[in-house]
N, C-alpha and C. Protein backbone atom coordinates (compact mmCIF):
# COMPACT_ATOMS: atom_id res chain seq x y z
N MET A 1 17.70 7.80 10.57
CA MET A 1 16.38 7.20 11.31
C MET A 1 16.16 5.70 11.22
N ASP A 2 16.18 5.43 12.66
CA ASP A 2 16.01 4.05 12.82
C ASP A 2 14.54 3.90 13.01
N ASN A 3 13.96 3.04 12.20
CA ASN A 3 12.51 2.35 12.15
C ASN A 3 12.60 1.01 12.83
N PRO A 4 12.07 0.25 13.86
CA PRO A 4 12.34 -0.85 13.84
C PRO A 4 10.92 -1.51 13.12
N GLN A 5 11.49 -2.64 12.68
CA GLN A 5 10.19 -3.41 12.09
C GLN A 5 9.15 -3.87 12.85
N PRO A 6 8.04 -3.52 12.39
CA PRO A 6 6.69 -4.15 13.13
C PRO A 6 7.02 -5.81 13.17
N ASP A 7 6.26 -6.10 14.38
CA ASP A 7 5.94 -7.68 14.62
C ASP A 7 4.99 -8.22 13.46
N TRP A 8 5.33 -8.92 12.50
CA TRP A 8 4.81 -8.74 11.29
C TRP A 8 3.33 -10.09 11.42
N ALA A 9 3.70 -10.88 12.53
CA ALA A 9 2.61 -11.89 13.03
C ALA A 9 1.71 -11.43 13.67
N ILE A 10 1.84 -10.42 14.43
CA ILE A 10 0.91 -9.58 15.22
C ILE A 10 0.14 -8.58 14.09
N TYR A 11 0.90 -8.20 13.17
CA TYR A 11 0.02 -7.52 12.36
C TYR A 11 -1.05 -8.15 11.35
N LEU A 12 -0.66 -9.25 11.15
CA LEU A 12 -1.24 -10.04 10.36
C LEU A 12 -2.67 -10.53 11.07
N ALA A 13 -2.57 -11.09 12.50
CA ALA A 13 -3.25 -11.40 13.19
C ALA A 13 -4.41 -10.48 13.49
N GLN A 14 -3.97 -9.07 13.52
CA GLN A 14 -4.82 -8.10 13.96
C GLN A 14 -5.94 -7.81 12.39
N MET A 15 -4.92 -7.80 11.27
CA MET A 15 -5.48 -7.37 10.32
C MET A 15 -6.80 -8.50 9.80
N THR A 16 -6.15 -9.61 9.98
CA THR A 16 -7.19 -10.82 9.59
C THR A 16 -8.38 -10.60 10.65
N ALA A 17 -8.16 -10.48 12.04
CA ALA A 17 -9.37 -10.37 12.44
C ALA A 17 -10.25 -9.18 12.26
N ILE A 18 -9.87 -7.89 11.31
CA ILE A 18 -10.52 -7.32 11.27
C ILE A 18 -11.58 -7.04 10.37
N HIS A 19 -10.63 -7.87 9.36
CA HIS A 19 -11.39 -7.96 8.03
C HIS A 19 -11.90 -9.39 7.83
N GLY A 20 -12.13 -10.03 9.19
CA GLY A 20 -12.88 -11.55 9.22
C GLY A 20 -11.83 -12.53 7.95
N ILE A 21 -11.21 -12.49 7.91
CA ILE A 21 -10.20 -13.65 7.08
C ILE A 21 -9.69 -14.56 7.74
N THR A 22 -9.83 -15.78 7.36
CA THR A 22 -9.41 -16.82 8.12
C THR A 22 -8.22 -17.55 7.38
N LEU A 23 -7.18 -17.70 8.14
CA LEU A 23 -5.78 -18.59 7.29
C LEU A 23 -5.31 -19.40 8.11
N ASP A 24 -5.06 -20.57 7.31
CA ASP A 24 -3.98 -21.45 7.74
C ASP A 24 -2.80 -21.20 7.91
N ASP A 25 -2.33 -22.31 9.08
CA ASP A 25 -0.71 -21.91 9.46
C ASP A 25 0.31 -21.58 8.30
N ALA A 26 0.01 -22.49 7.17
CA ALA A 26 0.79 -22.31 6.01
C ALA A 26 0.77 -20.88 5.39
N ARG A 27 -0.29 -20.39 5.06
CA ARG A 27 -0.51 -19.21 4.50
C ARG A 27 -0.11 -18.02 5.41
N ARG A 28 -0.37 -18.24 6.38
CA ARG A 28 -0.02 -17.19 7.60
C ARG A 28 1.38 -16.88 7.77
N ALA A 29 2.39 -18.10 7.74
CA ALA A 29 3.76 -18.23 7.40
C ALA A 29 4.22 -17.57 6.34
N GLU A 30 3.80 -17.88 5.29
CA GLU A 30 4.06 -17.45 4.04
C GLU A 30 3.93 -15.76 3.79
N LEU A 31 2.64 -15.33 4.30
CA LEU A 31 2.45 -14.01 4.56
C LEU A 31 3.59 -13.19 5.20
N VAL A 32 3.57 -13.64 6.44
CA VAL A 32 4.89 -13.16 7.30
C VAL A 32 6.32 -13.08 6.54
N ILE A 33 6.65 -14.02 5.72
CA ILE A 33 7.93 -14.09 4.77
C ILE A 33 7.63 -12.92 3.95
N GLN A 34 6.56 -12.86 3.11
CA GLN A 34 6.46 -11.83 2.00
C GLN A 34 6.52 -10.41 2.75
N PHE A 35 5.87 -10.12 3.97
CA PHE A 35 5.90 -9.04 4.31
C PHE A 35 7.25 -8.42 4.95
N THR A 36 7.84 -9.27 5.54
CA THR A 36 9.12 -9.08 5.77
C THR A 36 10.20 -8.75 4.63
N ARG A 37 9.92 -9.27 3.41
CA ARG A 37 10.63 -9.16 2.15
C ARG A 37 10.27 -7.84 1.56
N ILE A 38 9.15 -7.52 1.90
CA ILE A 38 8.35 -6.03 0.93
C ILE A 38 9.24 -5.27 2.17
N ALA A 39 8.92 -5.45 3.40
CA ALA A 39 9.62 -4.28 4.26
C ALA A 39 11.11 -3.82 3.75
N ALA A 40 11.80 -5.09 3.64
CA ALA A 40 13.16 -5.23 3.10
C ALA A 40 13.58 -4.17 2.20
N MET A 41 12.64 -4.63 0.91
CA MET A 41 12.93 -3.57 -0.12
C MET A 41 12.80 -2.39 -0.10
N ALA A 42 11.83 -1.82 0.79
CA ALA A 42 11.07 -0.51 0.94
C ALA A 42 12.18 0.14 1.63
N GLU A 43 12.90 -0.45 2.66
CA GLU A 43 13.76 0.24 3.62
C GLU A 43 14.80 1.29 2.76
N PRO A 44 15.77 1.00 1.92
CA PRO A 44 16.30 2.08 1.41
C PRO A 44 15.59 3.33 0.84
N LEU A 45 14.19 2.74 0.35
CA LEU A 45 13.72 3.92 -0.20
C LEU A 45 13.11 5.14 0.93
N MET A 46 12.69 4.26 2.32
CA MET A 46 12.00 4.98 2.75
C MET A 46 13.32 5.85 3.93
N ALA A 47 14.55 5.21 3.82
CA ALA A 47 15.50 6.21 4.36
C ALA A 47 15.81 7.06 3.48
N LEU A 48 15.84 7.18 2.44
CA LEU A 48 16.23 8.50 1.57
C LEU A 48 15.97 9.76 2.23
N GLU A 49 16.71 10.74 2.37
CA GLU A 49 16.39 11.96 2.82
C GLU A 49 15.78 12.62 1.68
N LEU A 50 14.88 13.80 1.96
CA LEU A 50 14.44 14.38 0.84
C LEU A 50 14.81 15.83 1.42
N ASP A 51 14.63 16.76 0.39
CA ASP A 51 14.87 17.99 0.57
C ASP A 51 13.88 18.96 1.06
N ASP A 52 13.35 19.74 2.16
CA ASP A 52 12.41 20.38 2.69
C ASP A 52 12.05 21.02 1.55
N ARG A 53 12.69 21.52 0.64
CA ARG A 53 12.27 22.61 -0.51
C ARG A 53 11.47 21.66 -1.29
N LEU A 54 11.45 20.63 -1.43
CA LEU A 54 10.71 19.73 -2.62
C LEU A 54 9.29 19.74 -2.44
N GLU A 55 8.66 20.12 -3.89
CA GLU A 55 7.03 20.57 -3.43
C GLU A 55 6.37 19.12 -3.37
N ILE A 56 5.31 19.12 -2.62
CA ILE A 56 4.75 17.78 -2.60
C ILE A 56 3.86 17.62 -3.82
N ALA A 57 3.36 16.20 -4.00
CA ALA A 57 2.70 16.00 -5.13
C ALA A 57 1.28 16.70 -5.18
N GLY A 58 0.86 17.24 -6.43
CA GLY A 58 -0.81 17.59 -6.36
C GLY A 58 -1.39 16.42 -6.23
N VAL A 59 -2.77 17.15 -6.05
CA VAL A 59 -3.83 16.14 -6.14
C VAL A 59 -4.66 16.06 -7.21
N TYR A 60 -4.86 14.81 -7.83
CA TYR A 60 -5.46 14.62 -9.26
C TYR A 60 -6.91 14.82 -9.14
N SER A 61 -7.33 15.65 -10.12
CA SER A 61 -8.94 15.50 -10.06
C SER A 61 -9.28 15.85 -11.55
N ALA A 62 -10.30 15.01 -12.05
CA ALA A 62 -10.68 14.83 -13.24
C ALA A 62 -11.91 16.02 -13.44
């Protein structure tokens, strides 16, 4: 499965606008780097094929 990476700068611009957060250029650039790193770490896990017969996790209720 080939999932292209999102444009993290656009994502960050949208999320900061939605949440009313103001970031300076240095903070914005660092967050783009961190999002890219997190996505790279998650990529092998997201590529893992799961058996269709596996049960989904239950919903916890207290």
